[in-house]
Structure formats: structure tokens, C-alpha cells
């Protein structure tokens, strides 16, 4: 086997191993996000829907951390005046919103919404230096 063939084979093995490293990093990000989420769970579904991992690509791997539910997106971005639209939440037909709280039915014209309680972006930002270190260490080893 020529030096060129051995080099190519070595690089191919390193790229394949990079996926395993990325998968491990993604799973660790998932656990960190789930344990660090500051909101109070009612059912736990939003916390359980956070998922992390890696996808293979022809250049190696892509690490991801994401919410698997629509509610997770609301938790990340906020709603109403605190969210991307920046305006109160109102009924679609111009009527009243109806809520049941503590057994009482409440009618209101609008609500401010909820402030963002992000976990995905802060988790990734906090882990980024360590991820870079791990990838550099991986590619530096033989």
C-alpha cells in the first residue's frame, strides 16, 4: 500500500471517528440542556423533547441540539410582547381569550405573553470552547 493510500485511509478513519465524537458531544449537550432548563414542568414533555446528537456529512459530522416541540420554541423565543412579534396576544376573531385557572374561567381581551426562558442557545454557547478543544485534540491525535 502506498503512502498516498495509507494517508487517504487514515483520513477516512478519522472522519468516521469524528461522527462518533460528535454524537457523544450532542448527547452530552442534550443532557446538559435538560438538566439546566429553568422552567417549571407540568408534564415534562417539553423537557423530554429536547434532543441532541449528530448527523453524518461528507465532510464529517454536524452536531445539533434542538427542541422537538412547538412549546420548546416558545420557551426559547418568548411569546407576545416578549417574543419575536413584539405585540400582545389577542383572540383571532377579535373577541376574548378564555382561560381556566384554578377552576375559575377568566376572559380577557389580550395577554402580554411570557418572557423567553432559553436553554438551547445558552447551552451551546457555554459548551463551544470545550467542543472546539475536543475536536482539535481529536484531529491532533494519531
C-alpha atoms as a PDB file:
ATOM      1  CA  UNK A   1       0.000   0.000   0.000  1.00  0.00           C
ATOM      2  CA  UNK A   2       1.436   3.365  -0.998  1.00  0.00           C
ATOM      3  CA  UNK A   3       1.887   6.335   1.304  1.00  0.00           C
ATOM      4  CA  UNK A   4      -0.948   8.147  -0.504  1.00  0.00           C
ATOM      5  CA  UNK A   5      -3.323   5.198   0.019  1.00  0.00           C
ATOM      6  CA  UNK A   6      -2.385   4.923   3.713  1.00  0.00           C
ATOM      7  CA  UNK A   7      -2.896   8.662   4.190  1.00  0.00           C
ATOM      8  CA  UNK A   8      -6.285   8.561   2.491  1.00  0.00           C
ATOM      9  CA  UNK A   9      -7.335   5.552   4.598  1.00  0.00           C
ATOM     10  CA  UNK A  10      -6.174   7.301   7.792  1.00  0.00           C
ATOM     11  CA  UNK A  11      -8.172  10.432   6.958  1.00  0.00           C
ATOM     12  CA  UNK A  12     -11.275   8.359   6.153  1.00  0.00           C
ATOM     13  CA  UNK A  13     -10.993   6.613   9.548  1.00  0.00           C
ATOM     14  CA  UNK A  14     -10.577   9.960  11.306  1.00  0.00           C
ATOM     15  CA  UNK A  15     -13.672  11.366   9.561  1.00  0.00           C
ATOM     16  CA  UNK A  16     -15.670   8.278  10.587  1.00  0.00           C
ATOM     17  CA  UNK A  17     -14.438   8.633  14.173  1.00  0.00           C
ATOM     18  CA  UNK A  18     -15.366  12.301  14.136  1.00  0.00           C
ATOM     19  CA  UNK A  19     -19.015  11.277  13.789  1.00  0.00           C
ATOM     20  CA  UNK A  20     -18.760   9.174  16.969  1.00  0.00           C
ATOM     21  CA  UNK A  21     -17.195  12.117  18.814  1.00  0.00           C
ATOM     22  CA  UNK A  22     -19.884  14.477  17.501  1.00  0.00           C
ATOM     23  CA  UNK A  23     -22.659  12.068  18.547  1.00  0.00           C
ATOM     24  CA  UNK A  24     -21.208  11.913  22.057  1.00  0.00           C
ATOM     25  CA  UNK A  25     -20.950  15.704  22.255  1.00  0.00           C
ATOM     26  CA  UNK A  26     -24.545  16.094  21.025  1.00  0.00           C
ATOM     27  CA  UNK A  27     -25.851  13.633  23.618  1.00  0.00           C
ATOM     28  CA  UNK A  28     -23.934  15.469  26.356  1.00  0.00           C
ATOM     29  CA  UNK A  29     -25.416  18.778  25.199  1.00  0.00           C
ATOM     30  CA  UNK A  30     -28.885  17.217  25.398  1.00  0.00           C
ATOM     31  CA  UNK A  31     -28.353  16.093  28.998  1.00  0.00           C
ATOM     32  CA  UNK A  32     -26.923  19.487  29.967  1.00  0.00           C
ATOM     33  CA  UNK A  33     -29.874  21.330  28.402  1.00  0.00           C
ATOM     34  CA  UNK A  34     -32.466  19.051  30.003  1.00  0.00           C
ATOM     35  CA  UNK A  35     -30.956  19.407  33.449  1.00  0.00           C
ATOM     36  CA  UNK A  36     -30.360  23.159  33.075  1.00  0.00           C
ATOM     37  CA  UNK A  37     -33.785  24.203  31.776  1.00  0.00           C
ATOM     38  CA  UNK A  38     -35.128  26.784  34.238  1.00  0.00           C
ATOM     39  CA  UNK A  39     -38.832  26.452  33.560  1.00  0.00           C
ATOM     40  CA  UNK A  40     -41.255  24.560  35.799  1.00  0.00           C
ATOM     41  CA  UNK A  41     -42.538  21.377  34.195  1.00  0.00           C
ATOM     42  CA  UNK A  42     -46.191  20.419  34.283  1.00  0.00           C
ATOM     43  CA  UNK A  43     -45.970  17.268  32.192  1.00  0.00           C
ATOM     44  CA  UNK A  44     -42.256  17.104  31.378  1.00  0.00           C
ATOM     45  CA  UNK A  45     -42.993  16.742  27.654  1.00  0.00           C
ATOM     46  CA  UNK A  46     -41.145  19.914  26.612  1.00  0.00           C
ATOM     47  CA  UNK A  47     -38.030  18.917  28.560  1.00  0.00           C
ATOM     48  CA  UNK A  48     -38.173  15.364  27.155  1.00  0.00           C
ATOM     49  CA  UNK A  49     -38.486  16.765  23.608  1.00  0.00           C
ATOM     50  CA  UNK A  50     -35.056  18.439  23.778  1.00  0.00           C
ATOM     51  CA  UNK A  51     -32.753  16.295  21.668  1.00  0.00           C
ATOM     52  CA  UNK A  52     -29.125  16.389  20.713  1.00  0.00           C
ATOM     53  CA  UNK A  53     -26.883  14.281  18.538  1.00  0.00           C
ATOM     54  CA  UNK A  54     -25.003  14.383  15.276  1.00  0.00           C
ATOM     55  CA  UNK A  55     -25.672  13.915  11.583  1.00  0.00           C
ATOM     56  CA  UNK A  56     -23.095  12.447   9.220  1.00  0.00           C
ATOM     57  CA  UNK A  57     -21.993  14.525   6.287  1.00  0.00           C
ATOM     58  CA  UNK A  58     -19.448  14.027   3.538  1.00  0.00           C
ATOM     59  CA  UNK A  59     -17.195  16.493   5.394  1.00  0.00           C
ATOM     60  CA  UNK A  60     -17.522  14.789   8.800  1.00  0.00           C
ATOM     61  CA  UNK A  61     -20.435  15.493  11.117  1.00  0.00           C
ATOM     62  CA  UNK A  62     -22.806  18.202  12.281  1.00  0.00           C
ATOM     63  CA  UNK A  63     -23.651  18.432  15.988  1.00  0.00           C
ATOM     64  CA  UNK A  64     -27.171  19.557  16.852  1.00  0.00           C
ATOM     65  CA  UNK A  65     -29.242  20.488  19.900  1.00  0.00           C
ATOM     66  CA  UNK A  66     -32.896  21.321  19.339  1.00  0.00           C
ATOM     67  CA  UNK A  67     -36.381  21.445  20.759  1.00  0.00           C
ATOM     68  CA  UNK A  68     -38.648  18.735  19.445  1.00  0.00           C
ATOM     69  CA  UNK A  69     -41.860  20.559  20.296  1.00  0.00           C
ATOM     70  CA  UNK A  70     -43.562  23.811  19.383  1.00  0.00           C
ATOM     71  CA  UNK A  71     -43.757  24.719  23.072  1.00  0.00           C
ATOM     72  CA  UNK A  72     -39.962  24.462  23.239  1.00  0.00           C
ATOM     73  CA  UNK A  73     -39.684  27.123  20.573  1.00  0.00           C
ATOM     74  CA  UNK A  74     -41.995  29.391  22.614  1.00  0.00           C
ATOM     75  CA  UNK A  75     -39.828  28.764  25.692  1.00  0.00           C
ATOM     76  CA  UNK A  76     -36.717  29.658  23.702  1.00  0.00           C
ATOM     77  CA  UNK A  77     -38.075  32.788  21.967  1.00  0.00           C
ATOM     78  CA  UNK A  78     -40.807  34.071  24.298  1.00  0.00           C
ATOM     79  CA  UNK A  79     -44.360  34.963  23.254  1.00  0.00           C
ATOM     80  CA  UNK A  80     -46.483  38.077  22.854  1.00  0.00           C
ATOM     81  CA  UNK A  81     -44.712  41.347  23.657  1.00  0.00           C
ATOM     82  CA  UNK A  82     -41.697  39.348  24.856  1.00  0.00           C
ATOM     83  CA  UNK A  83     -41.434  37.277  21.668  1.00  0.00           C
ATOM     84  CA  UNK A  84     -40.456  37.801  18.042  1.00  0.00           C
ATOM     85  CA  UNK A  85     -43.726  39.531  17.090  1.00  0.00           C
ATOM     86  CA  UNK A  86     -43.447  42.060  19.925  1.00  0.00           C
ATOM     87  CA  UNK A  87     -47.191  42.570  20.392  1.00  0.00           C
ATOM     88  CA  UNK A  88     -49.822  41.288  22.844  1.00  0.00           C
ATOM     89  CA  UNK A  89     -51.622  38.026  22.202  1.00  0.00           C
ATOM     90  CA  UNK A  90     -55.263  38.581  21.187  1.00  0.00           C
ATOM     91  CA  UNK A  91     -58.102  36.357  20.029  1.00  0.00           C
ATOM     92  CA  UNK A  92     -58.102  35.660  16.281  1.00  0.00           C
ATOM     93  CA  UNK A  93     -61.705  36.753  15.809  1.00  0.00           C
ATOM     94  CA  UNK A  94     -61.327  39.965  17.829  1.00  0.00           C
ATOM     95  CA  UNK A  95     -63.281  38.527  20.749  1.00  0.00           C
ATOM     96  CA  UNK A  96     -61.996  37.411  24.104  1.00  0.00           C
ATOM     97  CA  UNK A  97     -59.397  34.900  25.206  1.00  0.00           C
ATOM     98  CA  UNK A  98     -60.631  32.309  27.691  1.00  0.00           C
ATOM     99  CA  UNK A  99     -58.502  30.590  30.339  1.00  0.00           C
ATOM    100  CA  UNK A 100     -59.274  28.256  33.175  1.00  0.00           C
ATOM    101  CA  UNK A 101     -57.033  28.888  36.162  1.00  0.00           C
ATOM    102  CA  UNK A 102     -57.574  27.113  39.464  1.00  0.00           C
ATOM    103  CA  UNK A 103     -61.055  26.025  38.413  1.00  0.00           C
ATOM    104  CA  UNK A 104     -62.111  29.590  37.505  1.00  0.00           C
ATOM    105  CA  UNK A 105     -62.814  30.675  33.934  1.00  0.00           C
ATOM    106  CA  UNK A 106     -61.228  34.000  33.032  1.00  0.00           C
ATOM    107  CA  UNK A 107     -61.985  36.136  29.964  1.00  0.00           C
ATOM    108  CA  UNK A 108     -59.555  38.843  28.748  1.00  0.00           C
ATOM    109  CA  UNK A 109     -59.040  40.887  25.574  1.00  0.00           C
ATOM    110  CA  UNK A 110     -55.283  40.285  25.460  1.00  0.00           C
ATOM    111  CA  UNK A 111     -52.293  38.977  27.397  1.00  0.00           C
ATOM    112  CA  UNK A 112     -48.667  40.147  27.335  1.00  0.00           C
ATOM    113  CA  UNK A 113     -47.282  36.648  26.808  1.00  0.00           C
ATOM    114  CA  UNK A 114     -44.288  35.106  28.529  1.00  0.00           C
ATOM    115  CA  UNK A 115     -40.644  36.045  28.647  1.00  0.00           C
ATOM    116  CA  UNK A 116     -38.132  33.795  26.926  1.00  0.00           C
ATOM    117  CA  UNK A 117     -36.545  31.073  29.031  1.00  0.00           C
ATOM    118  CA  UNK A 118     -33.869  29.930  26.587  1.00  0.00           C
ATOM    119  CA  UNK A 119     -31.816  26.790  27.118  1.00  0.00           C
ATOM    120  CA  UNK A 120     -30.597  25.634  23.683  1.00  0.00           C
ATOM    121  CA  UNK A 121     -28.514  28.672  22.702  1.00  0.00           C
ATOM    122  CA  UNK A 122     -27.004  29.238  26.183  1.00  0.00           C
ATOM    123  CA  UNK A 123     -26.079  25.546  26.440  1.00  0.00           C
ATOM    124  CA  UNK A 124     -24.325  25.581  23.069  1.00  0.00           C
ATOM    125  CA  UNK A 125     -22.555  28.887  23.742  1.00  0.00           C
ATOM    126  CA  UNK A 126     -21.254  27.621  27.088  1.00  0.00           C
ATOM    127  CA  UNK A 127     -20.052  24.333  25.557  1.00  0.00           C
ATOM    128  CA  UNK A 128     -18.487  25.777  22.397  1.00  0.00           C
ATOM    129  CA  UNK A 129     -14.943  26.288  23.775  1.00  0.00           C
ATOM    130  CA  UNK A 130     -14.897  22.700  25.070  1.00  0.00           C
ATOM    131  CA  UNK A 131     -16.271  21.353  21.777  1.00  0.00           C
ATOM    132  CA  UNK A 132     -13.529  23.180  19.857  1.00  0.00           C
ATOM    133  CA  UNK A 133     -10.912  21.794  22.260  1.00  0.00           C
ATOM    134  CA  UNK A 134     -12.205  18.228  21.855  1.00  0.00           C
ATOM    135  CA  UNK A 135     -12.246  18.418  18.049  1.00  0.00           C
ATOM    136  CA  UNK A 136      -8.740  19.918  17.919  1.00  0.00           C
ATOM    137  CA  UNK A 137      -7.478  17.218  20.306  1.00  0.00           C
ATOM    138  CA  UNK A 138      -9.151  14.517  18.195  1.00  0.00           C
ATOM    139  CA  UNK A 139      -7.581  15.711  14.937  1.00  0.00           C
ATOM    140  CA  UNK A 140      -4.228  16.183  16.639  1.00  0.00           C
ATOM    141  CA  UNK A 141      -4.089  12.575  17.846  1.00  0.00           C
ATOM    142  CA  UNK A 142      -2.958   9.749  15.591  1.00  0.00           C
END
